[in-house]
C-alpha atoms as a PDB file:
ATOM      1  CA  MET A   1     -10.189  16.717  -3.596  1.00  0.00           C
ATOM      2  CA  LEU A   2      -9.973  13.266  -2.043  1.00  0.00           C
ATOM      3  CA  PHE A   3     -12.558  11.918  -4.495  1.00  0.00           C
ATOM      4  CA  ARG A   4     -10.722  13.453  -7.457  1.00  0.00           C
ATOM      5  CA  SER A   5      -7.359  12.053  -6.322  1.00  0.00           C
ATOM      6  CA  GLY A   6      -8.971   8.626  -5.951  1.00  0.00           C
ATOM      7  CA  LEU A   7     -10.369   8.836  -9.474  1.00  0.00           C
ATOM      8  CA  ALA A   8      -6.944   9.925 -10.748  1.00  0.00           C
ATOM      9  CA  ILE A   9      -5.338   6.837  -9.181  1.00  0.00           C
ATOM     10  CA  ALA A  10      -7.918   4.541 -10.758  1.00  0.00           C
ATOM     11  CA  ALA A  11      -7.715   6.318 -14.136  1.00  0.00           C
ATOM     12  CA  LEU A  12      -3.921   6.041 -14.260  1.00  0.00           C
ATOM     13  CA  PHE A  13      -4.094   2.346 -13.513  1.00  0.00           C
ATOM     14  CA  VAL A  14      -6.773   1.768 -16.179  1.00  0.00           C
ATOM     15  CA  LEU A  15      -4.677   3.677 -18.727  1.00  0.00           C
ATOM     16  CA  LEU A  16      -1.567   1.597 -18.069  1.00  0.00           C
ATOM     17  CA  ASN A  17      -3.574  -1.614 -17.969  1.00  0.00           C
ATOM     18  CA  THR A  18      -5.275  -0.742 -21.279  1.00  0.00           C
ATOM     19  CA  VAL A  19      -1.881  -0.387 -22.924  1.00  0.00           C
ATOM     20  CA  GLY A  20      -1.504  -4.062 -22.137  1.00  0.00           C
ATOM     21  CA  LYS A  21       1.931  -3.898 -20.501  1.00  0.00           C
ATOM     22  CA  SER A  22       1.826  -5.239 -16.952  1.00  0.00           C
ATOM     23  CA  TRP A  23       5.424  -4.164 -16.368  1.00  0.00           C
ATOM     24  CA  MET A  24       4.245  -0.558 -16.723  1.00  0.00           C
ATOM     25  CA  VAL A  25       1.846  -1.111 -13.836  1.00  0.00           C
ATOM     26  CA  VAL A  26       4.701  -2.544 -11.755  1.00  0.00           C
ATOM     27  CA  LEU A  27       6.859   0.439 -12.647  1.00  0.00           C
ATOM     28  CA  MET A  28       4.055   2.742 -11.504  1.00  0.00           C
ATOM     29  CA  VAL A  29       3.961   0.895  -8.164  1.00  0.00           C
ATOM     30  CA  ALA A  30       7.754   1.205  -7.836  1.00  0.00           C
ATOM     31  CA  VAL A  31       7.666   4.949  -8.511  1.00  0.00           C
ATOM     32  CA  ILE A  32       4.853   5.502  -6.006  1.00  0.00           C
ATOM     33  CA  MET A  33       6.690   3.505  -3.341  1.00  0.00           C
ATOM     34  CA  SER A  34       9.925   5.415  -4.048  1.00  0.00           C
ATOM     35  CA  ILE A  35       8.241   8.787  -3.540  1.00  0.00           C
ATOM     36  CA  GLY A  36       6.592   7.507  -0.380  1.00  0.00           C
ATOM     37  CA  ALA A  37       9.986   6.284   0.831  1.00  0.00           C
ATOM     38  CA  VAL A  38      11.560   9.693   0.366  1.00  0.00           C
ATOM     39  CA  GLU A  39       8.662  11.298   2.251  1.00  0.00           C
ATOM     40  CA  PHE A  40       8.912   8.849   5.149  1.00  0.00           C
ATOM     41  CA  LEU A  41      12.702   8.993   5.441  1.00  0.00           C
ATOM     42  CA  THR A  42      12.747  12.787   5.195  1.00  0.00           C
ATOM     43  CA  LYS A  43      10.326  13.111   8.103  1.00  0.00           C
ATOM     44  CA  VAL A  44      12.175  10.667  10.372  1.00  0.00           C
ATOM     45  CA  THR A  45      15.426  12.478   9.535  1.00  0.00           C
ATOM     46  CA  ASP A  46      13.803  15.753  10.587  1.00  0.00           C
ATOM     47  CA  ARG A  47      13.083  14.083  13.925  1.00  0.00           C
ATOM     48  CA  GLY A  48      16.739  13.314  14.560  1.00  0.00           C
ATOM     49  CA  TYR A  49      17.149   9.830  13.111  1.00  0.00           C
ATOM     50  CA  HIS A  50      19.781   9.055  10.496  1.00  0.00           C
ATOM     51  CA  PRO A  51      18.411   6.309   8.243  1.00  0.00           C
ATOM     52  CA  VAL A  52      20.478   4.948   5.377  1.00  0.00           C
ATOM     53  CA  THR A  53      18.306   6.679   2.821  1.00  0.00           C
ATOM     54  CA  PRO A  54      19.984   5.522  -0.431  1.00  0.00           C
ATOM     55  CA  VAL A  55      19.820   1.857   0.608  1.00  0.00           C
ATOM     56  CA  ALA A  56      16.233   2.168   1.800  1.00  0.00           C
ATOM     57  CA  VAL A  57      14.981   3.966  -1.311  1.00  0.00           C
ATOM     58  CA  ALA A  58      16.758   1.477  -3.594  1.00  0.00           C
ATOM     59  CA  ALA A  59      15.293  -1.511  -1.746  1.00  0.00           C
ATOM     60  CA  ILE A  60      11.796  -0.018  -1.683  1.00  0.00           C
ATOM     61  CA  ALA A  61      11.927   0.842  -5.401  1.00  0.00           C
ATOM     62  CA  LEU A  62      13.325  -2.552  -6.412  1.00  0.00           C
ATOM     63  CA  GLY A  63      10.931  -4.541  -4.215  1.00  0.00           C
ATOM     64  CA  PRO A  64       7.912  -4.582  -6.588  1.00  0.00           C
ATOM     65  CA  ILE A  65      10.157  -5.110  -9.620  1.00  0.00           C
ATOM     66  CA  ALA A  66      12.029  -8.029  -8.028  1.00  0.00           C
ATOM     67  CA  ALA A  67       8.716  -9.508  -6.870  1.00  0.00           C
ATOM     68  CA  TYR A  68       7.218  -9.243 -10.346  1.00  0.00           C
ATOM     69  CA  ASN A  69      10.180 -10.993 -11.942  1.00  0.00           C
ATOM     70  CA  ASN A  70      11.058 -13.581  -9.285  1.00  0.00           C
ATOM     71  CA  LEU A  71       8.006 -13.751  -7.015  1.00  0.00           C
ATOM     72  CA  GLU A  72       8.698 -14.415  -3.295  1.00  0.00           C
ATOM     73  CA  GLN A  73      12.359 -15.210  -3.933  1.00  0.00           C
ATOM     74  CA  GLY A  74      12.852 -11.744  -5.364  1.00  0.00           C
ATOM     75  CA  VAL A  75      11.345 -10.169  -2.226  1.00  0.00           C
ATOM     76  CA  VAL A  76      13.546 -12.219   0.108  1.00  0.00           C
ATOM     77  CA  LEU A  77      16.714 -11.404  -1.831  1.00  0.00           C
ATOM     78  CA  THR A  78      15.918  -7.680  -1.921  1.00  0.00           C
ATOM     79  CA  LEU A  79      15.302  -7.488   1.835  1.00  0.00           C
ATOM     80  CA  THR A  80      18.374  -9.591   2.624  1.00  0.00           C
ATOM     81  CA  PHE A  81      20.802  -7.544   0.560  1.00  0.00           C
ATOM     82  CA  ALA A  82      19.291  -4.310   1.860  1.00  0.00           C
ATOM     83  CA  PHE A  83      19.865  -5.374   5.471  1.00  0.00           C
ATOM     84  CA  ILE A  84      23.454  -6.378   4.741  1.00  0.00           C
ATOM     85  CA  ALA A  85      24.091  -3.125   2.878  1.00  0.00           C
ATOM     86  CA  MET A  86      22.845  -0.923   5.724  1.00  0.00           C
ATOM     87  CA  ALA A  87      24.898  -2.970   8.223  1.00  0.00           C
ATOM     88  CA  VAL A  88      28.015  -2.374   6.115  1.00  0.00           C
ATOM     89  CA  VAL A  89      27.314   1.371   6.092  1.00  0.00           C
ATOM     90  CA  PHE A  90      27.325   1.533   9.894  1.00  0.00           C
ATOM     91  CA  ILE A  91      30.270  -0.861  10.248  1.00  0.00           C
ATOM     92  CA  ALA A  92      32.232   1.557   8.059  1.00  0.00           C
ATOM     93  CA  SER A  93      31.250   4.545  10.245  1.00  0.00           C
ATOM     94  CA  SER A  94      33.648   6.145  12.724  1.00  0.00           C
ATOM     95  CA  GLY A  95      32.011   4.783  15.869  1.00  0.00           C
ATOM     96  CA  LEU A  96      28.925   4.354  18.047  1.00  0.00           C
ATOM     97  CA  GLN A  97      28.041   8.021  17.645  1.00  0.00           C
ATOM     98  CA  SER A  98      26.523   6.983  14.310  1.00  0.00           C
ATOM     99  CA  GLY A  99      23.760   5.270  16.312  1.00  0.00           C
ATOM    100  CA  PRO A 100      23.762   1.944  14.462  1.00  0.00           C
ATOM    101  CA  LEU A 101      20.987   0.318  16.502  1.00  0.00           C
ATOM    102  CA  PRO A 102      18.218   2.985  16.361  1.00  0.00           C
ATOM    103  CA  ASN A 103      19.151   4.140  12.872  1.00  0.00           C
ATOM    104  CA  MET A 104      19.282   0.637  11.410  1.00  0.00           C
ATOM    105  CA  ALA A 105      15.970  -0.043  13.133  1.00  0.00           C
ATOM    106  CA  MET A 106      14.390   3.059  11.604  1.00  0.00           C
ATOM    107  CA  THR A 107      15.813   2.244   8.169  1.00  0.00           C
ATOM    108  CA  ASN A 108      14.489  -1.282   8.444  1.00  0.00           C
ATOM    109  CA  LEU A 109      11.073   0.032   9.503  1.00  0.00           C
ATOM    110  CA  GLY A 110      10.903   2.035   6.292  1.00  0.00           C
ATOM    111  CA  ILE A 111      12.009  -0.949   4.207  1.00  0.00           C
ATOM    112  CA  GLY A 112       9.571  -3.299   5.921  1.00  0.00           C
ATOM    113  CA  TYR A 113       6.654  -0.869   5.868  1.00  0.00           C
ATOM    114  CA  LEU A 114       7.060   0.330   2.286  1.00  0.00           C
ATOM    115  CA  GLY A 115       9.448  -2.146   0.685  1.00  0.00           C
ATOM    116  CA  LEU A 116       8.016  -5.429   1.955  1.00  0.00           C
ATOM    117  CA  LEU A 117       4.352  -4.461   1.814  1.00  0.00           C
ATOM    118  CA  GLY A 118       4.810  -2.523  -1.429  1.00  0.00           C
ATOM    119  CA  SER A 119       6.518  -5.483  -3.085  1.00  0.00           C
ATOM    120  CA  PHE A 120       3.204  -7.314  -2.944  1.00  0.00           C
ATOM    121  CA  GLY A 121       2.127  -4.944  -5.713  1.00  0.00           C
ATOM    122  CA  GLY A 122       4.583  -6.732  -7.978  1.00  0.00           C
ATOM    123  CA  LEU A 123       3.426 -10.120  -6.692  1.00  0.00           C
ATOM    124  CA  VAL A 124      -0.214  -9.267  -7.368  1.00  0.00           C
ATOM    125  CA  VAL A 125       0.511  -8.056 -10.908  1.00  0.00           C
ATOM    126  CA  ALA A 126       2.512 -11.235 -11.524  1.00  0.00           C
ATOM    127  CA  GLY A 127      -0.720 -13.071 -10.692  1.00  0.00           C
ATOM    128  CA  ALA A 128       0.945 -15.763  -8.572  1.00  0.00           C
ATOM    129  CA  GLY A 129       2.991 -16.744 -11.618  1.00  0.00           C
ATOM    130  CA  ARG A 130      -0.020 -17.228 -13.885  1.00  0.00           C
ATOM    131  CA  TYR A 131      -0.420 -15.815 -17.364  1.00  0.00           C
ATOM    132  CA  GLY A 132      -3.193 -13.614 -18.703  1.00  0.00           C
ATOM    133  CA  ASN A 133      -4.889 -10.786 -16.847  1.00  0.00           C
ATOM    134  CA  THR A 134      -5.177 -12.525 -13.474  1.00  0.00           C
ATOM    135  CA  GLY A 135      -2.839 -10.109 -11.702  1.00  0.00           C
ATOM    136  CA  THR A 136      -3.984  -6.867 -13.284  1.00  0.00           C
ATOM    137  CA  ASP A 137      -7.635  -7.830 -12.807  1.00  0.00           C
ATOM    138  CA  THR A 138      -6.931  -8.326  -9.115  1.00  0.00           C
ATOM    139  CA  LEU A 139      -5.015  -5.077  -8.743  1.00  0.00           C
ATOM    140  CA  PHE A 140      -7.787  -3.187 -10.502  1.00  0.00           C
ATOM    141  CA  LEU A 141     -10.403  -4.472  -8.056  1.00  0.00           C
ATOM    142  CA  LEU A 142      -8.018  -3.669  -5.208  1.00  0.00           C
ATOM    143  CA  VAL A 143      -7.728  -0.064  -6.418  1.00  0.00           C
ATOM    144  CA  VAL A 144     -11.522   0.176  -6.680  1.00  0.00           C
ATOM    145  CA  GLY A 145     -11.994  -1.268  -3.190  1.00  0.00           C
ATOM    146  CA  VAL A 146      -9.399   0.885  -1.435  1.00  0.00           C
ATOM    147  CA  VAL A 147     -10.595   4.112  -3.087  1.00  0.00           C
ATOM    148  CA  ALA A 148     -14.228   3.275  -2.275  1.00  0.00           C
ATOM    149  CA  ALA A 149     -13.381   2.476   1.356  1.00  0.00           C
ATOM    150  CA  ASP A 150     -11.341   5.664   1.679  1.00  0.00           C
ATOM    151  CA  VAL A 151     -13.871   8.008   0.080  1.00  0.00           C
ATOM    152  CA  GLY A 152     -16.914   6.306   1.614  1.00  0.00           C
ATOM    153  CA  GLY A 153     -15.337   6.265   5.060  1.00  0.00           C
ATOM    154  CA  LEU A 154     -14.519   9.961   4.836  1.00  0.00           C
ATOM    155  CA  PHE A 155     -17.976  11.130   3.769  1.00  0.00           C
ATOM    156  CA  ILE A 156     -19.989   8.804   5.991  1.00  0.00           C
ATOM    157  CA  GLY A 157     -17.695   9.457   8.942  1.00  0.00           C
ATOM    158  CA  ALA A 158     -18.024  13.217   8.451  1.00  0.00           C
ATOM    159  CA  SER A 159     -21.819  13.099   8.227  1.00  0.00           C
ATOM    160  CA  MET A 160     -22.692  10.337  10.682  1.00  0.00           C
ATOM    161  CA  GLY A 161     -19.568   9.619  12.716  1.00  0.00           C
ATOM    162  CA  ARG A 162     -19.971   9.753  16.480  1.00  0.00           C
ATOM    163  CA  THR A 163     -17.808   6.968  17.920  1.00  0.00           C
ATOM    164  CA  PRO A 164     -13.994   7.378  17.675  1.00  0.00           C
ATOM    165  CA  LEU A 165     -12.292   4.325  16.200  1.00  0.00           C
ATOM    166  CA  ARG A 166      -8.998   4.974  18.010  1.00  0.00           C
ATOM    167  CA  GLY A 167      -9.191   8.463  19.433  1.00  0.00           C
ATOM    168  CA  TRP A 168      -5.565   8.680  20.545  1.00  0.00           C
ATOM    169  CA  ILE A 169      -4.408   8.026  16.978  1.00  0.00           C
ATOM    170  CA  SER A 170      -6.894  10.003  14.912  1.00  0.00           C
ATOM    171  CA  PRO A 171      -9.965  11.632  16.507  1.00  0.00           C
ATOM    172  CA  GLY A 172     -11.526  12.146  13.076  1.00  0.00           C
ATOM    173  CA  LYS A 173     -11.726   8.427  12.260  1.00  0.00           C
ATOM    174  CA  THR A 174     -14.923   6.864  13.552  1.00  0.00           C
ATOM    175  CA  VAL A 175     -16.520   3.435  13.828  1.00  0.00           C
ATOM    176  CA  GLU A 176     -19.385   4.676  11.674  1.00  0.00           C
ATOM    177  CA  GLY A 177     -16.917   5.816   9.006  1.00  0.00           C
ATOM    178  CA  PHE A 178     -15.157   2.448   9.136  1.00  0.00           C
ATOM    179  CA  ILE A 179     -18.431   0.552   8.656  1.00  0.00           C
ATOM    180  CA  GLY A 180     -19.578   2.949   5.948  1.00  0.00           C
ATOM    181  CA  GLY A 181     -16.298   2.599   4.087  1.00  0.00           C
ATOM    182  CA  LEU A 182     -16.530  -1.183   4.337  1.00  0.00           C
ATOM    183  CA  VAL A 183     -20.024  -1.169   2.859  1.00  0.00           C
ATOM    184  CA  CYS A 184     -18.927   1.171   0.045  1.00  0.00           C
ATOM    185  CA  CYS A 185     -15.979  -1.116  -0.684  1.00  0.00           C
ATOM    186  CA  ILE A 186     -18.192  -4.206  -0.889  1.00  0.00           C
ATOM    187  CA  VAL A 187     -20.687  -2.482  -3.198  1.00  0.00           C
ATOM    188  CA  ALA A 188     -18.042  -0.928  -5.467  1.00  0.00           C
ATOM    189  CA  VAL A 189     -16.080  -4.158  -5.856  1.00  0.00           C
ATOM    190  CA  ALA A 190     -19.296  -6.089  -6.569  1.00  0.00           C
ATOM    191  CA  ILE A 191     -20.231  -3.632  -9.321  1.00  0.00           C
ATOM    192  CA  PHE A 192     -16.835  -3.548 -10.996  1.00  0.00           C
ATOM    193  CA  SER A 193     -16.344  -7.319 -10.706  1.00  0.00           C
ATOM    194  CA  MET A 194     -19.171  -7.812 -13.209  1.00  0.00           C
ATOM    195  CA  LYS A 195     -16.761  -7.000 -16.035  1.00  0.00           C
ATOM    196  CA  ASN A 196     -13.753  -8.679 -14.416  1.00  0.00           C
ATOM    197  CA  GLY A 197     -12.380 -11.760 -16.113  1.00  0.00           C
ATOM    198  CA  THR A 198     -10.754 -13.190 -12.996  1.00  0.00           C
ATOM    199  CA  TRP A 199     -12.950 -12.282 -10.031  1.00  0.00           C
ATOM    200  CA  ASN A 200     -16.396 -13.374 -11.133  1.00  0.00           C
ATOM    201  CA  GLY A 201     -17.648 -15.776  -8.441  1.00  0.00           C
ATOM    202  CA  LYS A 202     -19.977 -13.941  -6.037  1.00  0.00           C
ATOM    203  CA  GLY A 203     -18.585 -15.629  -2.929  1.00  0.00           C
ATOM    204  CA  ASN A 204     -14.988 -14.891  -3.858  1.00  0.00           C
ATOM    205  CA  VAL A 205     -15.808 -11.295  -4.735  1.00  0.00           C
ATOM    206  CA  PHE A 206     -17.479 -10.798  -1.346  1.00  0.00           C
ATOM    207  CA  LEU A 207     -14.525 -12.298   0.558  1.00  0.00           C
ATOM    208  CA  PHE A 208     -12.100 -10.171  -1.449  1.00  0.00           C
ATOM    209  CA  SER A 209     -14.002  -6.944  -0.832  1.00  0.00           C
ATOM    210  CA  LEU A 210     -14.458  -7.786   2.863  1.00  0.00           C
ATOM    211  CA  GLY A 211     -10.714  -8.242   3.341  1.00  0.00           C
ATOM    212  CA  VAL A 212      -9.823  -5.095   1.422  1.00  0.00           C
ATOM    213  CA  GLY A 213     -12.508  -3.073   3.207  1.00  0.00           C
ATOM    214  CA  ILE A 214     -11.139  -4.065   6.617  1.00  0.00           C
ATOM    215  CA  LEU A 215      -7.411  -3.891   5.910  1.00  0.00           C
ATOM    216  CA  ALA A 216      -7.302  -0.625   3.952  1.00  0.00           C
ATOM    217  CA  PRO A 217      -8.536   1.455   6.942  1.00  0.00           C
ATOM    218  CA  LEU A 218      -6.080  -0.404   9.204  1.00  0.00           C
ATOM    219  CA  GLY A 219      -3.273   0.639   6.867  1.00  0.00           C
ATOM    220  CA  ASP A 220      -4.525   4.217   7.034  1.00  0.00           C
ATOM    221  CA  LEU A 221      -4.726   4.029  10.832  1.00  0.00           C
ATOM    222  CA  THR A 222      -1.180   2.684  11.049  1.00  0.00           C
ATOM    223  CA  GLU A 223       0.169   5.589   9.015  1.00  0.00           C
ATOM    224  CA  SER A 224      -1.783   8.011  11.219  1.00  0.00           C
ATOM    225  CA  MET A 225      -0.198   6.373  14.268  1.00  0.00           C
ATOM    226  CA  PHE A 226       3.270   6.952  12.816  1.00  0.00           C
ATOM    227  CA  LYS A 227       2.419  10.584  12.084  1.00  0.00           C
ATOM    228  CA  ARG A 228       1.086  11.072  15.597  1.00  0.00           C
ATOM    229  CA  ASN A 229       4.323   9.660  17.037  1.00  0.00           C
ATOM    230  CA  LEU A 230       6.423  11.918  14.776  1.00  0.00           C
ATOM    231  CA  GLU A 231       4.171  14.893  15.620  1.00  0.00           C
ATOM    232  CA  ILE A 232       3.453  15.748  11.991  1.00  0.00           C
ATOM    233  CA  LYS A 233       0.234  16.331  10.065  1.00  0.00           C
ATOM    234  CA  ASP A 234       1.258  14.797   6.732  1.00  0.00           C
ATOM    235  CA  PHE A 235       4.242  12.973   5.284  1.00  0.00           C
ATOM    236  CA  GLY A 236       4.255  15.130   2.153  1.00  0.00           C
ATOM    237  CA  THR A 237       2.612  18.021   0.330  1.00  0.00           C
ATOM    238  CA  ILE A 238       2.166  16.775  -3.240  1.00  0.00           C
ATOM    239  CA  ILE A 239      -1.639  16.906  -3.035  1.00  0.00           C
ATOM    240  CA  LYS A 240      -2.517  20.291  -1.534  1.00  0.00           C
ATOM    241  CA  GLY A 241      -4.589  19.871   1.598  1.00  0.00           C
ATOM    242  CA  HIS A 242      -4.360  16.078   1.495  1.00  0.00           C
ATOM    243  CA  GLY A 243      -0.679  15.357   2.089  1.00  0.00           C
ATOM    244  CA  GLY A 244       1.793  13.436   0.022  1.00  0.00           C
ATOM    245  CA  VAL A 245       1.934  10.151  -1.821  1.00  0.00           C
ATOM    246  CA  LEU A 246       2.274   8.077   1.347  1.00  0.00           C
ATOM    247  CA  ASP A 247      -0.742   9.843   2.856  1.00  0.00           C
ATOM    248  CA  ARG A 248      -2.839   8.777  -0.118  1.00  0.00           C
ATOM    249  CA  PHE A 249      -1.534   5.246  -0.637  1.00  0.00           C
ATOM    250  CA  ASP A 250      -1.307   4.075   2.983  1.00  0.00           C
ATOM    251  CA  GLY A 251      -4.474   2.010   2.653  1.00  0.00           C
ATOM    252  CA  PHE A 252      -2.994  -0.036  -0.172  1.00  0.00           C
ATOM    253  CA  LEU A 253      -0.054  -1.268   1.905  1.00  0.00           C
ATOM    254  CA  PHE A 254      -2.086  -3.576   4.152  1.00  0.00           C
ATOM    255  CA  ALA A 255      -4.501  -4.603   1.400  1.00  0.00           C
ATOM    256  CA  LEU A 256      -1.836  -5.711  -1.103  1.00  0.00           C
ATOM    257  CA  PRO A 257      -0.602  -8.781   0.850  1.00  0.00           C
ATOM    258  CA  PHE A 258      -4.200  -9.839   1.421  1.00  0.00           C
ATOM    259  CA  ALA A 259      -4.973  -9.526  -2.300  1.00  0.00           C
ATOM    260  CA  TYR A 260      -1.995 -11.689  -3.223  1.00  0.00           C
ATOM    261  CA  TYR A 261      -2.741 -14.500  -0.792  1.00  0.00           C
ATOM    262  CA  ALA A 262      -6.460 -14.312  -1.584  1.00  0.00           C
ATOM    263  CA  LEU A 263      -5.499 -14.828  -5.216  1.00  0.00           C
ATOM    264  CA  ILE A 264      -3.473 -17.918  -4.292  1.00  0.00           C
ATOM    265  CA  ALA A 265      -5.955 -19.377  -1.812  1.00  0.00           C
ATOM    266  CA  LEU A 266      -9.217 -18.726  -3.661  1.00  0.00           C
ATOM    267  CA  GLN A 267      -8.016 -19.187  -7.255  1.00  0.00           C
ATOM    268  CA  PRO A 268     -10.976 -17.072  -8.435  1.00  0.00           C
ATOM    269  CA  TRP A 269     -10.426 -17.818 -12.112  1.00  0.00           C
ATOM    270  CA  THR A 270     -11.710 -21.361 -11.456  1.00  0.00           C
ATOM    271  CA  HIS A 271     -15.108 -20.218 -10.108  1.00  0.00           C
ATOM    272  CA  HIS A 272     -17.975 -18.620 -11.967  1.00  0.00           C
ATOM    273  CA  GLY A 273     -21.378 -17.256 -11.130  1.00  0.00           C
END
C-alpha cells in the first residue's frame, strides 16, 4: 500500500506537470497542506487545545500560493498576518479562560510546521524566480527522492533493521532502514535525473539526493514524535492502514526548504555532465 500511494503521488505530479501549468502543481501543494492542517488541528483539539483553526488553515493553504507569486516576501506577509489575526481572536475573547498563550502557541506550531515548511513548495515551483521548468524539475526529483527514501527505508528496515534510530519516538524506525532509504534515494534520483533538464550535473545531483535522503526521514521522525506526544497512531485515516495526508507527506516538509536553497546555492542549470 505504501508503494502504491508513493506511485500515486508521483503520478499525480507528473500529470499536472505534463499539462504545463505550474500553478496547478502549486494548487495541489496547497490542497495537500490544507488537508494536513485539518488533520493536525483536529487531533490537537481532541487533546484539549483550542487552536484558531480557520486562521491556521487559511494561512497554511495560502502559504504555497503566496510564495509562488511573491517568493519570500509572500511567505513573510502570510505568517505575519496570520499571527496578528490569531492574536486578535484571543484579544476579543471573554478572558484568560480562553488560554491565549498555549492555544496561540499550538496554532503557531501548526502554521510553522505546515504553513512555513509547506510554503517552500511554492518557492520551489517558482524556481527561485527563474523561468522555464527549473522549479518543476526540482520538485519532481524531490518527489522521486522522498518516495524512494520512504519506501526503501520501510522495506530495508523491515528485513534488515536491528538498531533503533530513536526508540522512544518510533521503535520500528531503524538505523539500517535510514541508511537503506538514503541509498535508495540517491540511486532513484540519479536515475531520474538523466532526463531532467535542470539537475544534470552529477555532483549537484548527488548533493541534492544526499540532502533529501537525510532530511525526509527526519521529517518523518518529527511527525512521529508529535504523534507519540499526542498519544495517537495516525493523524488521519484517508489511506486505510497508512494514516492520513500528513502521515504520508511528513517527509516532504523538511526536504522542501533544502530543495529550494539547494536550487539557489547550486544553480544546477549552469552545470552539465
